[in-house]
């Protein structure tokens, strides 16, 4: 009975180990890497749009503080 228990324990451990190793190996295939990086492009686009928005706001604040907006409104003579 004891041998049967250890055989079953070893078989279960072997199956679990093989499944984990296979899962880890599949992450490093080209398909696995593409699956992991799928949403990165979208997140970068959203982040870059946010950066541009805040940069434009800050530029407007600086132009107001330096009086550059008033100078641009006056026509050249």
N, C-alpha and C. Protein backbone atom coordinates (compact mmCIF):
# COMPACT_ATOMS: atom_id res chain seq x y z
N UNK A 1 0.81 -1.18 0.00
CA UNK A 1 0.00 0.00 0.00
C UNK A 1 0.87 1.26 0.00
N UNK A 2 1.96 1.22 0.75
CA UNK A 2 2.85 2.36 0.84
C UNK A 2 3.51 2.64 -0.52
N UNK A 3 3.89 1.60 -1.23
CA UNK A 3 4.50 1.77 -2.55
C UNK A 3 3.52 2.39 -3.53
N UNK A 4 2.29 1.96 -3.49
CA UNK A 4 1.27 2.52 -4.37
C UNK A 4 1.09 4.02 -4.11
N UNK A 5 1.12 4.41 -2.84
CA UNK A 5 1.01 5.82 -2.48
C UNK A 5 2.16 6.62 -3.09
N UNK A 6 3.40 6.12 -2.96
CA UNK A 6 4.55 6.85 -3.49
C UNK A 6 4.57 6.87 -5.01
N UNK A 7 4.11 5.81 -5.64
CA UNK A 7 4.01 5.80 -7.10
C UNK A 7 3.01 6.85 -7.55
N UNK A 8 1.84 6.89 -6.90
CA UNK A 8 0.82 7.87 -7.26
C UNK A 8 1.33 9.30 -6.99
N UNK A 9 2.02 9.50 -5.88
CA UNK A 9 2.57 10.81 -5.55
C UNK A 9 3.61 11.24 -6.59
N UNK A 10 4.48 10.33 -6.98
CA UNK A 10 5.50 10.63 -7.98
C UNK A 10 4.88 10.94 -9.34
N UNK A 11 3.85 10.18 -9.73
CA UNK A 11 3.19 10.42 -11.01
C UNK A 11 2.51 11.78 -11.01
N UNK A 12 1.85 12.10 -9.92
CA UNK A 12 1.17 13.40 -9.83
C UNK A 12 2.18 14.54 -9.88
N UNK A 13 3.27 14.41 -9.15
CA UNK A 13 4.31 15.44 -9.16
C UNK A 13 4.91 15.58 -10.56
N UNK A 14 5.12 14.45 -11.23
CA UNK A 14 5.66 14.49 -12.59
C UNK A 14 4.73 15.19 -13.56
N UNK A 15 3.46 14.90 -13.48
CA UNK A 15 2.49 15.53 -14.38
C UNK A 15 2.44 17.03 -14.13
N UNK A 16 2.39 17.43 -12.87
CA UNK A 16 2.34 18.85 -12.54
C UNK A 16 3.61 19.58 -12.99
N UNK A 17 4.76 18.93 -12.82
CA UNK A 17 6.02 19.53 -13.24
C UNK A 17 6.07 19.70 -14.76
N UNK A 18 5.66 18.68 -15.49
CA UNK A 18 5.66 18.76 -16.95
C UNK A 18 4.72 19.87 -17.42
N UNK A 19 3.56 19.99 -16.81
CA UNK A 19 2.61 21.04 -17.20
C UNK A 19 3.19 22.43 -16.96
N UNK A 20 3.84 22.61 -15.81
CA UNK A 20 4.44 23.92 -15.51
C UNK A 20 5.58 24.26 -16.46
N UNK A 21 6.43 23.29 -16.75
CA UNK A 21 7.55 23.52 -17.65
C UNK A 21 7.05 23.83 -19.06
N UNK A 22 6.04 23.09 -19.51
CA UNK A 22 5.48 23.33 -20.83
C UNK A 22 4.86 24.72 -20.91
N UNK A 23 4.15 25.12 -19.87
CA UNK A 23 3.54 26.44 -19.82
C UNK A 23 4.60 27.54 -19.87
N UNK A 24 5.67 27.36 -19.12
CA UNK A 24 6.75 28.34 -19.11
C UNK A 24 7.46 28.40 -20.46
N UNK A 25 7.66 27.24 -21.08
CA UNK A 25 8.32 27.21 -22.39
C UNK A 25 7.45 27.87 -23.46
N UNK A 26 6.14 27.73 -23.36
CA UNK A 26 5.25 28.35 -24.35
C UNK A 26 5.23 29.87 -24.25
N UNK A 27 5.58 30.41 -23.11
CA UNK A 27 5.65 31.86 -22.97
C UNK A 27 6.77 32.45 -23.82
N UNK A 28 7.80 31.67 -24.10
CA UNK A 28 8.96 32.17 -24.83
C UNK A 28 8.92 31.88 -26.32
N UNK A 29 7.83 31.32 -26.82
CA UNK A 29 7.68 31.15 -28.26
C UNK A 29 7.26 32.49 -28.84
N UNK A 30 7.43 32.70 -30.14
CA UNK A 30 6.99 33.97 -30.74
C UNK A 30 5.51 34.27 -30.48
N UNK A 31 4.67 33.23 -30.53
CA UNK A 31 3.25 33.44 -30.27
C UNK A 31 3.00 33.85 -28.83
N UNK A 32 3.73 33.24 -27.91
CA UNK A 32 3.58 33.56 -26.49
C UNK A 32 4.03 34.98 -26.18
N UNK A 33 5.11 35.39 -26.77
CA UNK A 33 5.60 36.76 -26.56
C UNK A 33 4.62 37.76 -27.14
N UNK A 34 4.08 37.48 -28.32
CA UNK A 34 3.10 38.38 -28.92
C UNK A 34 1.84 38.47 -28.06
N UNK A 35 1.44 37.36 -27.49
CA UNK A 35 0.26 37.35 -26.62
C UNK A 35 0.50 38.21 -25.38
N UNK A 36 1.70 38.16 -24.82
CA UNK A 36 2.02 38.94 -23.63
C UNK A 36 2.11 40.42 -23.94
N UNK A 37 2.60 40.76 -25.12
CA UNK A 37 2.80 42.16 -25.48
C UNK A 37 1.60 42.75 -26.21
N UNK A 38 0.50 42.03 -26.28
CA UNK A 38 -0.66 42.47 -27.05
C UNK A 38 -1.17 43.84 -26.70
N UNK A 39 -1.31 44.20 -25.44
CA UNK A 39 -1.90 45.47 -25.06
C UNK A 39 -0.90 46.58 -24.83
N UNK A 40 0.37 46.32 -25.03
CA UNK A 40 1.39 47.32 -24.73
C UNK A 40 1.27 48.52 -25.67
N UNK A 41 1.04 48.29 -26.94
CA UNK A 41 0.93 49.38 -27.90
C UNK A 41 -0.20 50.32 -27.56
N UNK A 42 -1.33 49.79 -27.16
CA UNK A 42 -2.46 50.62 -26.79
C UNK A 42 -2.15 51.46 -25.55
N UNK A 43 -1.51 50.85 -24.57
CA UNK A 43 -1.17 51.58 -23.35
C UNK A 43 -0.17 52.69 -23.63
N UNK A 44 0.79 52.44 -24.52
CA UNK A 44 1.78 53.46 -24.87
C UNK A 44 1.09 54.61 -25.60
N UNK A 45 0.16 54.31 -26.49
CA UNK A 45 -0.56 55.35 -27.22
C UNK A 45 -1.36 56.24 -26.27
N UNK A 46 -2.03 55.64 -25.33
CA UNK A 46 -2.81 56.41 -24.35
C UNK A 46 -1.88 57.27 -23.51
N UNK A 47 -0.76 56.70 -23.07
CA UNK A 47 0.20 57.45 -22.27
C UNK A 47 0.76 58.63 -23.06
N UNK A 48 1.11 58.42 -24.33
CA UNK A 48 1.71 59.49 -25.13
C UNK A 48 0.69 60.60 -25.38
N UNK A 49 -0.56 60.27 -25.60
CA UNK A 49 -1.60 61.28 -25.78
C UNK A 49 -1.74 62.11 -24.49
N UNK A 50 -1.66 61.45 -23.36
CA UNK A 50 -1.74 62.15 -22.08
C UNK A 50 -0.55 63.10 -21.90
N UNK A 51 0.64 62.64 -22.26
CA UNK A 51 1.84 63.48 -22.16
C UNK A 51 1.69 64.71 -23.04
N UNK A 52 1.23 64.53 -24.28
CA UNK A 52 1.07 65.66 -25.19
C UNK A 52 0.04 66.65 -24.66
N UNK A 53 -1.04 66.15 -24.09
CA UNK A 53 -2.08 67.01 -23.54
C UNK A 53 -1.52 67.88 -22.42
N UNK A 54 -0.80 67.25 -21.48
CA UNK A 54 -0.24 68.00 -20.36
C UNK A 54 0.86 68.96 -20.82
N UNK A 55 1.62 68.59 -21.83
CA UNK A 55 2.65 69.49 -22.35
C UNK A 55 2.01 70.73 -22.99
N UNK A 56 0.91 70.54 -23.71
CA UNK A 56 0.22 71.67 -24.33
C UNK A 56 -0.37 72.60 -23.26
N UNK A 57 -0.93 72.01 -22.21
CA UNK A 57 -1.46 72.83 -21.11
C UNK A 57 -0.35 73.65 -20.47
N UNK A 58 0.77 73.01 -20.21
CA UNK A 58 1.89 73.70 -19.56
C UNK A 58 2.45 74.78 -20.47
N UNK A 59 2.52 74.52 -21.76
CA UNK A 59 3.01 75.53 -22.70
C UNK A 59 2.09 76.75 -22.70
N UNK A 60 0.78 76.52 -22.66
CA UNK A 60 -0.17 77.64 -22.62
C UNK A 60 0.01 78.44 -21.33
N UNK A 61 0.22 77.76 -20.20
CA UNK A 61 0.46 78.46 -18.94
C UNK A 61 1.71 79.32 -19.02
N UNK A 62 2.77 78.78 -19.58
CA UNK A 62 4.04 79.52 -19.68
C UNK A 62 3.90 80.70 -20.64
N UNK A 63 3.19 80.52 -21.75
CA UNK A 63 3.00 81.61 -22.70
C UNK A 63 2.20 82.75 -22.05
N UNK A 64 1.19 82.39 -21.25
CA UNK A 64 0.43 83.41 -20.54
C UNK A 64 1.30 84.12 -19.51
N UNK A 65 2.10 83.38 -18.78
CA UNK A 65 2.95 83.97 -17.75
C UNK A 65 4.00 84.89 -18.34
N UNK A 66 4.51 84.57 -19.51
CA UNK A 66 5.54 85.39 -20.14
C UNK A 66 4.97 86.47 -21.05
N UNK A 67 3.67 86.46 -21.24
CA UNK A 67 3.03 87.46 -22.08
C UNK A 67 3.24 87.22 -23.57
N UNK A 68 3.55 86.02 -23.95
CA UNK A 68 3.79 85.74 -25.37
C UNK A 68 2.50 85.67 -26.17
N UNK A 69 1.39 85.30 -25.55
CA UNK A 69 0.12 85.23 -26.27
C UNK A 69 -0.32 86.62 -26.70
N UNK A 70 -0.10 87.63 -25.86
CA UNK A 70 -0.48 89.00 -26.21
C UNK A 70 0.38 89.51 -27.35
N UNK A 71 1.66 89.15 -27.36
CA UNK A 71 2.56 89.60 -28.43
C UNK A 71 2.19 88.95 -29.76
N UNK A 72 1.72 87.72 -29.72
CA UNK A 72 1.33 87.04 -30.96
C UNK A 72 0.05 87.63 -31.52
N UNK A 73 -0.81 88.19 -30.68
CA UNK A 73 -2.10 88.73 -31.12
C UNK A 73 -1.92 90.05 -31.83
N UNK A 74 -0.85 90.81 -31.50
CA UNK A 74 -0.63 92.11 -32.14
C UNK A 74 -0.07 91.92 -33.55
N UNK A 75 -0.59 92.64 -34.54
CA UNK A 75 -0.05 92.52 -35.89
C UNK A 75 1.31 93.18 -36.00
N UNK A 76 2.15 92.66 -36.88
CA UNK A 76 3.49 93.23 -37.11
C UNK A 76 3.34 94.51 -37.91
N UNK A 77 4.15 95.49 -37.61
CA UNK A 77 4.08 96.77 -38.34
C UNK A 77 5.25 96.96 -39.21
